[in-house]
Amino acid sequence: MIETIKARGIHDKRVLEAMRSVPRHLFVPPDEVEYAYGDYPLPIGFGQTISQPYIVALMTESLALQPGDRALEVGTGSGYQTAILASIPGVTVYSVEVIPHLARSAAERLQSLGYMVHCKEGDGYSGWAEHAPFDAIVVTAAPDHVPAPLVEQLAEGGRLVIPIGPPSGYQTLWKYVKEAGELKATNMGGVAFVPLTGVGIREGRK
């Protein structure tokens, strides 16, 4: 798995070490364990997936995390991306998951494996205002627009990595950097994510 993501252009040693250290097979359903280290997404129930390792590595590297950073993840899922973020030295991780069962099971899994993260069940569209501002925000499901609350909770100089596009089919992965209150965008190519759900996304379309 590590050689595959290196061959695809991931070079940050901290990200590679995080990918090497997190036991991905413990974050997939029992009937998917034999496929855990393949470079493709896997179902985790409730219509959700664990992203392919390369995409996890790409999104993590794109956040350009530094010691002392506060990172918010929208969409805990199985907790795999959360664990990768928590494995970057000096980063404090917050994660929000809207599906109750996934929120509970991921929090329990992360705790049992010793990852020091802050998890809650809730609508990630609204972020986690109590702990803002965040130096980095990663969204692991696709809305069709940039959620305004996440922009508000992004620190000056902060990085937001998010797939944006229609709820079915392919989306575009974007990296935004907040400069003087405005977002500077970089197109990182096509991706396929499950749609972002919750009350916030519906209200945000109005």
N, C-alpha and C. Protein backbone atom coordinates (compact mmCIF):
# COMPACT_ATOMS: atom_id res chain seq x y z
N MET A 1 0.83 -1.20 0.00
CA MET A 1 0.00 0.00 0.00
C MET A 1 0.87 1.26 0.00
N ILE A 2 1.90 1.27 0.85
CA ILE A 2 2.76 2.44 0.94
C ILE A 2 3.48 2.68 -0.37
N GLU A 3 3.98 1.63 -0.99
CA GLU A 3 4.69 1.78 -2.26
C GLU A 3 3.75 2.32 -3.34
N THR A 4 2.50 1.90 -3.29
CA THR A 4 1.53 2.37 -4.27
C THR A 4 1.29 3.87 -4.15
N ILE A 5 1.09 4.35 -2.93
CA ILE A 5 0.79 5.77 -2.77
C ILE A 5 2.05 6.62 -3.01
N LYS A 6 3.23 6.06 -2.70
CA LYS A 6 4.46 6.78 -3.03
C LYS A 6 4.61 6.91 -4.54
N ALA A 7 4.31 5.83 -5.26
CA ALA A 7 4.42 5.85 -6.72
C ALA A 7 3.44 6.84 -7.34
N ARG A 8 2.35 7.13 -6.64
CA ARG A 8 1.35 8.07 -7.15
C ARG A 8 1.63 9.52 -6.74
N GLY A 9 2.77 9.74 -6.07
CA GLY A 9 3.20 11.10 -5.84
C GLY A 9 3.13 11.63 -4.42
N ILE A 10 2.86 10.78 -3.44
CA ILE A 10 2.83 11.22 -2.05
C ILE A 10 4.25 11.15 -1.49
N HIS A 11 4.78 12.29 -1.04
CA HIS A 11 6.18 12.35 -0.62
C HIS A 11 6.39 12.79 0.82
N ASP A 12 5.37 13.36 1.46
CA ASP A 12 5.51 13.84 2.84
C ASP A 12 5.80 12.65 3.76
N LYS A 13 6.97 12.67 4.38
CA LYS A 13 7.39 11.52 5.20
C LYS A 13 6.46 11.31 6.40
N ARG A 14 5.93 12.39 6.94
CA ARG A 14 5.02 12.26 8.08
C ARG A 14 3.72 11.57 7.67
N VAL A 15 3.24 11.90 6.47
CA VAL A 15 2.02 11.27 5.97
C VAL A 15 2.28 9.79 5.68
N LEU A 16 3.39 9.49 5.05
CA LEU A 16 3.72 8.10 4.75
C LEU A 16 3.88 7.28 6.03
N GLU A 17 4.50 7.87 7.05
CA GLU A 17 4.66 7.16 8.31
C GLU A 17 3.31 6.94 8.98
N ALA A 18 2.43 7.94 8.90
CA ALA A 18 1.08 7.79 9.46
C ALA A 18 0.34 6.66 8.74
N MET A 19 0.43 6.64 7.41
CA MET A 19 -0.23 5.59 6.63
C MET A 19 0.34 4.22 6.97
N ARG A 20 1.63 4.19 7.24
CA ARG A 20 2.28 2.92 7.58
C ARG A 20 1.87 2.44 8.97
N SER A 21 1.65 3.37 9.88
CA SER A 21 1.44 3.00 11.28
C SER A 21 -0.01 2.64 11.62
N VAL A 22 -0.98 3.19 10.87
CA VAL A 22 -2.39 2.95 11.21
C VAL A 22 -2.86 1.63 10.61
N PRO A 23 -3.36 0.71 11.43
CA PRO A 23 -3.79 -0.61 10.95
C PRO A 23 -5.15 -0.54 10.23
N ARG A 24 -5.11 -0.34 8.92
CA ARG A 24 -6.34 -0.11 8.17
C ARG A 24 -7.33 -1.27 8.30
N HIS A 25 -6.81 -2.48 8.49
CA HIS A 25 -7.71 -3.65 8.57
C HIS A 25 -8.64 -3.58 9.79
N LEU A 26 -8.28 -2.76 10.77
CA LEU A 26 -9.14 -2.62 11.95
C LEU A 26 -10.24 -1.58 11.75
N PHE A 27 -10.24 -0.93 10.60
CA PHE A 27 -11.23 0.10 10.31
C PHE A 27 -12.22 -0.32 9.23
N VAL A 28 -12.15 -1.56 8.78
CA VAL A 28 -13.07 -2.05 7.76
C VAL A 28 -13.91 -3.19 8.35
N PRO A 29 -15.07 -3.48 7.79
CA PRO A 29 -15.90 -4.59 8.29
C PRO A 29 -15.14 -5.92 8.17
N PRO A 30 -15.47 -6.89 9.01
CA PRO A 30 -14.78 -8.18 9.00
C PRO A 30 -14.74 -8.85 7.63
N ASP A 31 -15.82 -8.72 6.85
CA ASP A 31 -15.85 -9.40 5.55
C ASP A 31 -15.05 -8.65 4.48
N GLU A 32 -14.45 -7.50 4.85
CA GLU A 32 -13.64 -6.74 3.90
C GLU A 32 -12.16 -6.73 4.28
N VAL A 33 -11.80 -7.43 5.36
CA VAL A 33 -10.43 -7.36 5.88
C VAL A 33 -9.39 -7.76 4.84
N GLU A 34 -9.68 -8.78 4.05
CA GLU A 34 -8.68 -9.23 3.07
C GLU A 34 -8.38 -8.18 2.00
N TYR A 35 -9.27 -7.19 1.88
CA TYR A 35 -9.08 -6.13 0.88
C TYR A 35 -8.59 -4.83 1.51
N ALA A 36 -8.30 -4.85 2.80
CA ALA A 36 -8.05 -3.62 3.56
C ALA A 36 -6.90 -2.79 3.00
N TYR A 37 -5.89 -3.44 2.43
CA TYR A 37 -4.71 -2.69 2.00
C TYR A 37 -4.64 -2.51 0.49
N GLY A 38 -5.74 -2.77 -0.19
CA GLY A 38 -5.83 -2.45 -1.60
C GLY A 38 -6.10 -0.97 -1.78
N ASP A 39 -5.71 -0.42 -2.92
CA ASP A 39 -5.87 1.02 -3.13
C ASP A 39 -7.22 1.33 -3.76
N TYR A 40 -8.27 1.09 -2.98
CA TYR A 40 -9.63 1.37 -3.43
C TYR A 40 -10.52 1.54 -2.20
N PRO A 41 -11.64 2.23 -2.36
CA PRO A 41 -12.56 2.40 -1.23
C PRO A 41 -13.29 1.09 -0.92
N LEU A 42 -13.79 0.99 0.30
CA LEU A 42 -14.55 -0.19 0.72
C LEU A 42 -15.81 0.25 1.47
N PRO A 43 -16.89 -0.51 1.36
CA PRO A 43 -18.12 -0.16 2.08
C PRO A 43 -17.97 -0.39 3.58
N ILE A 44 -18.57 0.51 4.37
CA ILE A 44 -18.56 0.34 5.82
C ILE A 44 -19.98 0.34 6.39
N GLY A 45 -20.97 0.23 5.51
CA GLY A 45 -22.36 0.23 5.95
C GLY A 45 -22.98 1.61 5.92
N PHE A 46 -24.31 1.65 5.96
CA PHE A 46 -25.08 2.90 5.99
C PHE A 46 -24.84 3.75 4.74
N GLY A 47 -24.50 3.08 3.64
CA GLY A 47 -24.25 3.79 2.41
C GLY A 47 -22.95 4.57 2.38
N GLN A 48 -22.06 4.30 3.33
CA GLN A 48 -20.80 5.02 3.45
C GLN A 48 -19.61 4.13 3.06
N THR A 49 -18.47 4.77 2.85
CA THR A 49 -17.26 4.03 2.48
C THR A 49 -16.06 4.54 3.27
N ILE A 50 -15.03 3.71 3.32
CA ILE A 50 -13.71 4.13 3.77
C ILE A 50 -12.94 4.46 2.49
N SER A 51 -12.40 5.66 2.40
CA SER A 51 -11.76 6.12 1.17
C SER A 51 -10.52 5.29 0.84
N GLN A 52 -10.16 5.27 -0.44
CA GLN A 52 -8.97 4.54 -0.85
C GLN A 52 -7.75 5.19 -0.22
N PRO A 53 -6.73 4.40 0.09
CA PRO A 53 -5.55 4.92 0.77
C PRO A 53 -4.90 6.11 0.07
N TYR A 54 -4.80 6.08 -1.25
CA TYR A 54 -4.17 7.19 -1.96
C TYR A 54 -4.91 8.50 -1.71
N ILE A 55 -6.24 8.46 -1.76
CA ILE A 55 -7.02 9.68 -1.55
C ILE A 55 -6.86 10.17 -0.11
N VAL A 56 -6.83 9.26 0.85
CA VAL A 56 -6.60 9.65 2.24
C VAL A 56 -5.24 10.34 2.37
N ALA A 57 -4.23 9.74 1.75
CA ALA A 57 -2.88 10.31 1.81
C ALA A 57 -2.82 11.66 1.10
N LEU A 58 -3.46 11.77 -0.06
CA LEU A 58 -3.46 13.01 -0.82
C LEU A 58 -4.13 14.14 -0.03
N MET A 59 -5.28 13.86 0.54
CA MET A 59 -5.99 14.88 1.30
C MET A 59 -5.20 15.30 2.54
N THR A 60 -4.59 14.32 3.19
CA THR A 60 -3.80 14.62 4.38
C THR A 60 -2.58 15.46 4.02
N GLU A 61 -1.87 15.07 2.98
CA GLU A 61 -0.69 15.82 2.56
C GLU A 61 -1.07 17.25 2.16
N SER A 62 -2.21 17.39 1.51
CA SER A 62 -2.65 18.70 1.03
C SER A 62 -2.99 19.66 2.17
N LEU A 63 -3.28 19.13 3.33
CA LEU A 63 -3.58 19.99 4.48
C LEU A 63 -2.34 20.69 5.02
N ALA A 64 -1.15 20.19 4.64
CA ALA A 64 0.12 20.80 5.06
C ALA A 64 0.14 21.03 6.57
N LEU A 65 -0.15 19.99 7.33
CA LEU A 65 -0.27 20.10 8.78
C LEU A 65 1.08 20.39 9.44
N GLN A 66 1.02 21.22 10.49
CA GLN A 66 2.21 21.59 11.24
C GLN A 66 1.95 21.37 12.73
N PRO A 67 3.00 21.15 13.52
CA PRO A 67 2.82 21.01 14.97
C PRO A 67 2.08 22.21 15.54
N GLY A 68 1.10 21.93 16.38
CA GLY A 68 0.29 22.98 16.97
C GLY A 68 -1.00 23.26 16.22
N ASP A 69 -1.16 22.67 15.03
CA ASP A 69 -2.38 22.87 14.25
C ASP A 69 -3.59 22.21 14.90
N ARG A 70 -4.74 22.81 14.69
CA ARG A 70 -6.02 22.23 15.06
C ARG A 70 -6.73 21.85 13.76
N ALA A 71 -7.07 20.58 13.64
CA ALA A 71 -7.67 20.07 12.41
C ALA A 71 -9.07 19.55 12.67
N LEU A 72 -9.99 19.92 11.78
CA LEU A 72 -11.37 19.43 11.85
C LEU A 72 -11.62 18.49 10.69
N GLU A 73 -12.19 17.34 10.99
CA GLU A 73 -12.63 16.40 9.96
C GLU A 73 -14.16 16.36 9.96
N VAL A 74 -14.75 16.54 8.80
CA VAL A 74 -16.19 16.41 8.64
C VAL A 74 -16.46 15.06 8.00
N GLY A 75 -17.07 14.14 8.76
CA GLY A 75 -17.35 12.80 8.27
C GLY A 75 -16.38 11.78 8.84
N THR A 76 -16.57 11.41 10.11
CA THR A 76 -15.65 10.47 10.76
C THR A 76 -15.66 9.11 10.09
N GLY A 77 -16.86 8.66 9.68
CA GLY A 77 -16.96 7.34 9.05
C GLY A 77 -16.46 6.24 9.95
N SER A 78 -15.51 5.45 9.48
CA SER A 78 -14.93 4.37 10.28
C SER A 78 -13.88 4.89 11.25
N GLY A 79 -13.42 6.11 11.03
CA GLY A 79 -12.37 6.67 11.87
C GLY A 79 -10.97 6.55 11.29
N TYR A 80 -10.86 6.02 10.08
CA TYR A 80 -9.53 5.79 9.50
C TYR A 80 -8.81 7.11 9.18
N GLN A 81 -9.49 8.00 8.45
CA GLN A 81 -8.87 9.30 8.17
C GLN A 81 -8.56 10.04 9.46
N THR A 82 -9.43 9.91 10.45
CA THR A 82 -9.21 10.53 11.75
C THR A 82 -7.91 10.05 12.37
N ALA A 83 -7.69 8.73 12.32
CA ALA A 83 -6.48 8.15 12.89
C ALA A 83 -5.24 8.62 12.15
N ILE A 84 -5.34 8.76 10.83
CA ILE A 84 -4.21 9.26 10.05
C ILE A 84 -3.87 10.68 10.49
N LEU A 85 -4.88 11.53 10.61
CA LEU A 85 -4.64 12.91 11.05
C LEU A 85 -4.01 12.93 12.44
N ALA A 86 -4.51 12.09 13.33
CA ALA A 86 -4.01 12.05 14.70
C ALA A 86 -2.60 11.50 14.79
N SER A 87 -2.14 10.85 13.72
CA SER A 87 -0.79 10.28 13.70
C SER A 87 0.25 11.28 13.20
N ILE A 88 -0.20 12.47 12.76
CA ILE A 88 0.73 13.53 12.38
C ILE A 88 1.15 14.24 13.66
N PRO A 89 2.45 14.26 13.98
CA PRO A 89 2.89 14.81 15.28
C PRO A 89 2.44 16.24 15.53
N GLY A 90 1.92 16.46 16.75
CA GLY A 90 1.60 17.80 17.20
C GLY A 90 0.28 18.36 16.74
N VAL A 91 -0.57 17.54 16.09
CA VAL A 91 -1.85 18.00 15.56
C VAL A 91 -2.99 17.59 16.49
N THR A 92 -3.87 18.52 16.83
CA THR A 92 -5.06 18.22 17.62
C THR A 92 -6.23 18.03 16.66
N VAL A 93 -6.91 16.89 16.80
CA VAL A 93 -7.92 16.50 15.82
C VAL A 93 -9.32 16.51 16.42
N TYR A 94 -10.25 17.13 15.68
CA TYR A 94 -11.67 17.13 15.99
C TYR A 94 -12.40 16.49 14.82
N SER A 95 -13.40 15.65 15.11
CA SER A 95 -14.11 14.97 14.03
C SER A 95 -15.59 14.87 14.33
N VAL A 96 -16.40 15.11 13.28
CA VAL A 96 -17.86 15.12 13.43
C VAL A 96 -18.47 14.11 12.46
N GLU A 97 -19.43 13.32 12.94
CA GLU A 97 -20.11 12.32 12.12
C GLU A 97 -21.61 12.41 12.35
N VAL A 98 -22.38 12.46 11.27
CA VAL A 98 -23.82 12.64 11.37
C VAL A 98 -24.58 11.34 11.62
N ILE A 99 -24.03 10.20 11.23
CA ILE A 99 -24.72 8.91 11.38
C ILE A 99 -24.42 8.36 12.77
N PRO A 100 -25.43 8.23 13.63
CA PRO A 100 -25.20 7.87 15.03
C PRO A 100 -24.36 6.61 15.23
N HIS A 101 -24.69 5.53 14.53
CA HIS A 101 -23.95 4.28 14.73
C HIS A 101 -22.48 4.45 14.37
N LEU A 102 -22.20 5.10 13.25
CA LEU A 102 -20.81 5.30 12.84
C LEU A 102 -20.09 6.21 13.83
N ALA A 103 -20.78 7.24 14.31
CA ALA A 103 -20.16 8.15 15.27
C ALA A 103 -19.73 7.41 16.53
N ARG A 104 -20.63 6.56 17.04
CA ARG A 104 -20.32 5.82 18.27
C ARG A 104 -19.23 4.78 18.05
N SER A 105 -19.35 4.00 16.99
CA SER A 105 -18.39 2.92 16.76
C SER A 105 -17.01 3.47 16.45
N ALA A 106 -16.94 4.56 15.69
CA ALA A 106 -15.64 5.15 15.38
C ALA A 106 -14.98 5.70 16.63
N ALA A 107 -15.75 6.40 17.46
CA ALA A 107 -15.19 6.95 18.69
C ALA A 107 -14.65 5.84 19.59
N GLU A 108 -15.41 4.76 19.70
CA GLU A 108 -14.96 3.63 20.52
C GLU A 108 -13.71 2.99 19.93
N ARG A 109 -13.68 2.83 18.61
CA ARG A 109 -12.52 2.22 17.95
C ARG A 109 -11.27 3.07 18.15
N LEU A 110 -11.41 4.36 17.93
CA LEU A 110 -10.26 5.25 18.06
C LEU A 110 -9.74 5.27 19.50
N GLN A 111 -10.66 5.28 20.45
CA GLN A 111 -10.24 5.27 21.84
C GLN A 111 -9.52 3.97 22.20
N SER A 112 -10.08 2.84 21.74
CA SER A 112 -9.48 1.55 22.07
C SER A 112 -8.09 1.39 21.47
N LEU A 113 -7.84 2.08 20.35
CA LEU A 113 -6.53 1.99 19.70
C LEU A 113 -5.56 3.06 20.19
N GLY A 114 -6.04 3.91 21.09
CA GLY A 114 -5.15 4.89 21.71
C GLY A 114 -4.97 6.20 20.98
N TYR A 115 -5.86 6.50 20.03
CA TYR A 115 -5.76 7.77 19.32
C TYR A 115 -6.44 8.88 20.13
N MET A 116 -5.71 9.95 20.36
CA MET A 116 -6.21 11.06 21.16
C MET A 116 -6.92 12.06 20.24
N VAL A 117 -8.22 11.87 20.08
CA VAL A 117 -9.00 12.73 19.20
C VAL A 117 -10.29 13.14 19.91
N HIS A 118 -10.92 14.19 19.39
CA HIS A 118 -12.19 14.67 19.92
C HIS A 118 -13.27 14.37 18.89
N CYS A 119 -14.22 13.52 19.26
CA CYS A 119 -15.27 13.10 18.32
C CYS A 119 -16.64 13.50 18.86
N LYS A 120 -17.55 13.78 17.94
CA LYS A 120 -18.92 14.00 18.36
C LYS A 120 -19.86 13.60 17.23
N GLU A 121 -21.09 13.25 17.63
CA GLU A 121 -22.16 13.00 16.66
C GLU A 121 -22.81 14.34 16.36
N GLY A 122 -22.95 14.66 15.08
CA GLY A 122 -23.57 15.92 14.72
C GLY A 122 -23.50 16.16 13.23
N ASP A 123 -24.08 17.27 12.82
CA ASP A 123 -24.14 17.65 11.42
C ASP A 123 -22.85 18.40 11.06
N GLY A 124 -21.96 17.73 10.34
CA GLY A 124 -20.67 18.31 10.03
C GLY A 124 -20.72 19.55 9.16
N TYR A 125 -21.83 19.75 8.46
CA TYR A 125 -21.98 20.96 7.63
C TYR A 125 -21.76 22.20 8.48
N SER A 126 -22.16 22.12 9.74
CA SER A 126 -22.05 23.26 10.65
C SER A 126 -20.70 23.32 11.35
N GLY A 127 -19.83 22.36 11.05
CA GLY A 127 -18.51 22.35 11.67
C GLY A 127 -18.57 22.07 13.16
N TRP A 128 -17.67 22.71 13.91
CA TRP A 128 -17.64 22.55 15.37
C TRP A 128 -17.18 23.89 15.94
N ALA A 129 -18.12 24.81 16.00
CA ALA A 129 -17.80 26.22 16.29
C ALA A 129 -17.10 26.42 17.62
N GLU A 130 -17.40 25.58 18.60
CA GLU A 130 -16.81 25.77 19.93
C GLU A 130 -15.30 25.67 19.92
N HIS A 131 -14.76 24.94 18.95
CA HIS A 131 -13.31 24.73 18.91
C HIS A 131 -12.63 25.47 17.77
N ALA A 132 -13.39 26.27 17.04
CA ALA A 132 -12.81 27.07 15.96
C ALA A 132 -11.99 28.23 16.56
N PRO A 133 -11.05 28.80 15.79
CA PRO A 133 -10.79 28.51 14.38
C PRO A 133 -9.88 27.30 14.19
N PHE A 134 -9.99 26.68 13.01
CA PHE A 134 -9.18 25.51 12.67
C PHE A 134 -8.13 25.90 11.62
N ASP A 135 -6.95 25.34 11.80
CA ASP A 135 -5.88 25.56 10.82
C ASP A 135 -6.08 24.71 9.58
N ALA A 136 -6.81 23.62 9.74
CA ALA A 136 -7.06 22.71 8.62
C ALA A 136 -8.42 22.07 8.78
N ILE A 137 -9.14 21.95 7.68
CA ILE A 137 -10.44 21.26 7.67
C ILE A 137 -10.45 20.32 6.48
N VAL A 138 -10.82 19.06 6.72
CA VAL A 138 -10.95 18.09 5.64
C VAL A 138 -12.37 17.53 5.67
N VAL A 139 -12.99 17.49 4.50
CA VAL A 139 -14.37 17.00 4.38
C VAL A 139 -14.32 15.70 3.58
N THR A 140 -14.86 14.63 4.15
CA THR A 140 -14.73 13.31 3.54
C THR A 140 -16.02 12.81 2.90
N ALA A 141 -16.92 13.74 2.59
CA ALA A 141 -18.12 13.46 1.80
C ALA A 141 -18.37 14.72 0.98
N ALA A 142 -19.11 14.57 -0.13
CA ALA A 142 -19.19 15.67 -1.10
C ALA A 142 -20.47 16.48 -1.00
N PRO A 143 -20.36 17.77 -0.65
CA PRO A 143 -21.48 18.69 -0.83
C PRO A 143 -21.46 19.23 -2.25
N ASP A 144 -22.49 19.97 -2.64
CA ASP A 144 -22.48 20.58 -3.97
C ASP A 144 -22.07 22.04 -3.92
N HIS A 145 -21.62 22.50 -2.73
CA HIS A 145 -21.10 23.85 -2.56
C HIS A 145 -20.23 23.86 -1.31
N VAL A 146 -19.45 24.90 -1.14
CA VAL A 146 -18.62 25.02 0.06
C VAL A 146 -19.49 25.47 1.23
N PRO A 147 -19.57 24.70 2.31
CA PRO A 147 -20.39 25.10 3.46
C PRO A 147 -19.87 26.39 4.09
N ALA A 148 -20.73 27.39 4.19
CA ALA A 148 -20.34 28.68 4.76
C ALA A 148 -19.80 28.57 6.18
N PRO A 149 -20.38 27.71 7.06
CA PRO A 149 -19.85 27.62 8.42
C PRO A 149 -18.39 27.16 8.46
N LEU A 150 -18.00 26.30 7.52
CA LEU A 150 -16.62 25.84 7.50
C LEU A 150 -15.66 26.96 7.10
N VAL A 151 -16.10 27.78 6.18
CA VAL A 151 -15.28 28.94 5.78
C VAL A 151 -15.09 29.87 6.97
N GLU A 152 -16.18 30.10 7.71
CA GLU A 152 -16.13 30.98 8.87
C GLU A 152 -15.20 30.43 9.95
N GLN A 153 -15.15 29.10 10.09
CA GLN A 153 -14.36 28.47 11.14
C GLN A 153 -12.92 28.19 10.73
N LEU A 154 -12.57 28.52 9.50
CA LEU A 154 -11.21 28.33 9.02
C LEU A 154 -10.36 29.54 9.41
N ALA A 155 -9.22 29.27 10.03
CA ALA A 155 -8.33 30.35 10.46
C ALA A 155 -7.71 31.05 9.26
N GLU A 156 -7.25 32.25 9.47
CA GLU A 156 -6.49 32.94 8.43
C GLU A 156 -5.24 32.11 8.11
N GLY A 157 -5.03 31.85 6.84
CA GLY A 157 -3.95 30.97 6.42
C GLY A 157 -4.31 29.50 6.48
N GLY A 158 -5.53 29.20 6.92
CA GLY A 158 -5.97 27.82 7.05
C GLY A 158 -6.25 27.17 5.71
N ARG A 159 -6.22 25.83 5.71
CA ARG A 159 -6.43 25.04 4.51
C ARG A 159 -7.70 24.19 4.64
N LEU A 160 -8.52 24.22 3.59
CA LEU A 160 -9.73 23.42 3.51
C LEU A 160 -9.62 22.50 2.30
N VAL A 161 -9.72 21.20 2.52
CA VAL A 161 -9.68 20.22 1.43
C VAL A 161 -11.04 19.53 1.39
N ILE A 162 -11.71 19.62 0.23
CA ILE A 162 -13.10 19.20 0.14
C ILE A 162 -13.47 18.78 -1.28
N PRO A 163 -14.20 17.66 -1.42
CA PRO A 163 -14.75 17.31 -2.74
C PRO A 163 -16.06 18.05 -2.96
N ILE A 164 -16.25 18.61 -4.12
CA ILE A 164 -17.48 19.36 -4.41
C ILE A 164 -18.05 18.89 -5.74
N GLY A 165 -19.36 18.64 -5.74
CA GLY A 165 -19.99 18.21 -6.97
C GLY A 165 -21.35 17.60 -6.71
N PRO A 166 -21.98 17.05 -7.74
CA PRO A 166 -23.31 16.47 -7.61
C PRO A 166 -23.30 15.25 -6.71
N PRO A 167 -24.44 14.92 -6.09
CA PRO A 167 -24.50 13.80 -5.14
C PRO A 167 -24.31 12.43 -5.77
N SER A 168 -24.37 12.34 -7.08
CA SER A 168 -24.09 11.08 -7.76
C SER A 168 -23.05 11.34 -8.84
N GLY A 169 -22.21 10.35 -9.10
CA GLY A 169 -21.18 10.53 -10.10
C GLY A 169 -19.90 11.09 -9.50
N TYR A 170 -19.16 11.82 -10.32
CA TYR A 170 -17.85 12.32 -9.91
C TYR A 170 -17.93 13.76 -9.43
N GLN A 171 -16.97 14.10 -8.58
CA GLN A 171 -16.84 15.46 -8.08
C GLN A 171 -15.41 15.95 -8.34
N THR A 172 -15.14 17.18 -7.94
CA THR A 172 -13.80 17.74 -8.03
C THR A 172 -13.26 17.95 -6.62
N LEU A 173 -12.02 17.53 -6.40
CA LEU A 173 -11.38 17.76 -5.11
C LEU A 173 -10.70 19.13 -5.15
N TRP A 174 -11.05 19.98 -4.17
CA TRP A 174 -10.51 21.33 -4.12
C TRP A 174 -9.71 21.54 -2.84
N LYS A 175 -8.65 22.31 -2.98
CA LYS A 175 -7.94 22.82 -1.80
C LYS A 175 -8.12 24.33 -1.79
N TYR A 176 -8.60 24.84 -0.66
CA TYR A 176 -8.78 26.27 -0.48
C TYR A 176 -7.84 26.75 0.63
N VAL A 177 -7.23 27.88 0.42
CA VAL A 177 -6.42 28.54 1.45
C VAL A 177 -7.05 29.89 1.74
N LYS A 178 -7.26 30.18 3.01
CA LYS A 178 -7.90 31.43 3.40
C LYS A 178 -6.87 32.54 3.53
N GLU A 179 -6.98 33.52 2.66
CA GLU A 179 -6.05 34.64 2.65
C GLU A 179 -6.83 35.95 2.68
N ALA A 180 -6.58 36.75 3.72
CA ALA A 180 -7.29 38.02 3.90
C ALA A 180 -8.81 37.83 3.85
N GLY A 181 -9.26 36.73 4.43
CA GLY A 181 -10.69 36.45 4.51
C GLY A 181 -11.30 35.83 3.27
N GLU A 182 -10.51 35.71 2.20
CA GLU A 182 -11.00 35.13 0.95
C GLU A 182 -10.37 33.75 0.73
N LEU A 183 -11.04 32.92 -0.08
CA LEU A 183 -10.53 31.59 -0.37
C LEU A 183 -9.79 31.56 -1.70
N LYS A 184 -8.56 31.08 -1.67
CA LYS A 184 -7.78 30.87 -2.88
C LYS A 184 -7.86 29.38 -3.22
N ALA A 185 -8.35 29.07 -4.42
CA ALA A 185 -8.69 27.69 -4.78
C ALA A 185 -7.65 27.03 -5.67
N THR A 186 -7.45 25.72 -5.42
CA THR A 186 -6.61 24.88 -6.28
C THR A 186 -7.40 23.63 -6.63
N ASN A 187 -7.55 23.36 -7.92
CA ASN A 187 -8.24 22.15 -8.40
C ASN A 187 -7.28 20.97 -8.32
N MET A 188 -7.68 19.93 -7.58
CA MET A 188 -6.81 18.78 -7.38
C MET A 188 -7.27 17.55 -8.16
N GLY A 189 -8.26 17.72 -9.03
CA GLY A 189 -8.66 16.63 -9.90
C GLY A 189 -9.97 15.97 -9.52
N GLY A 190 -10.36 15.00 -10.33
CA GLY A 190 -11.63 14.32 -10.14
C GLY A 190 -11.58 13.24 -9.08
N VAL A 191 -12.67 13.11 -8.34
CA VAL A 191 -12.81 12.10 -7.29
C VAL A 191 -14.25 11.60 -7.26
N ALA A 192 -14.49 10.58 -6.45
CA ALA A 192 -15.85 10.07 -6.27
C ALA A 192 -16.07 9.80 -4.78
N PHE A 193 -16.91 10.63 -4.16
CA PHE A 193 -17.22 10.50 -2.75
C PHE A 193 -18.73 10.30 -2.57
N VAL A 194 -19.09 9.73 -1.43
CA VAL A 194 -20.51 9.69 -1.07
C VAL A 194 -20.95 11.12 -0.78
N PRO A 195 -22.24 11.43 -0.93
CA PRO A 195 -22.70 12.81 -0.70
C PRO A 195 -22.69 13.19 0.77
N LEU A 196 -22.44 14.46 1.03
CA LEU A 196 -22.58 14.99 2.38
C LEU A 196 -24.07 15.11 2.68
N THR A 197 -24.46 14.63 3.85
CA THR A 197 -25.88 14.65 4.23
C THR A 197 -26.07 15.46 5.51
N GLY A 198 -27.32 15.64 5.89
CA GLY A 198 -27.64 16.36 7.11
C GLY A 198 -28.51 17.57 6.82
N VAL A 199 -29.06 18.15 7.88
CA VAL A 199 -29.95 19.29 7.75
C VAL A 199 -29.22 20.48 7.14
N GLY A 200 -27.97 20.68 7.55
CA GLY A 200 -27.23 21.84 7.08
C GLY A 200 -27.06 21.90 5.58
N ILE A 201 -26.81 20.77 4.96
CA ILE A 201 -26.60 20.76 3.52
C ILE A 201 -27.89 21.10 2.78
N ARG A 202 -29.02 20.66 3.31
CA ARG A 202 -30.31 20.97 2.68
C ARG A 202 -30.63 22.45 2.82
N GLU A 203 -30.38 22.99 4.00
CA GLU A 203 -30.68 24.40 4.23
C GLU A 203 -29.71 25.29 3.45
N GLY A 204 -28.47 24.81 3.27
CA GLY A 204 -27.48 25.59 2.57
C GLY A 204 -27.76 25.75 1.09
N ARG A 205 -28.62 24.89 0.56
CA ARG A 205 -28.96 24.98 -0.86
C ARG A 205 -30.06 26.03 -1.13
N LYS A 206 -30.72 26.48 -0.05
CA LYS A 206 -31.84 27.41 -0.22
C LYS A 206 -31.35 28.80 -0.62
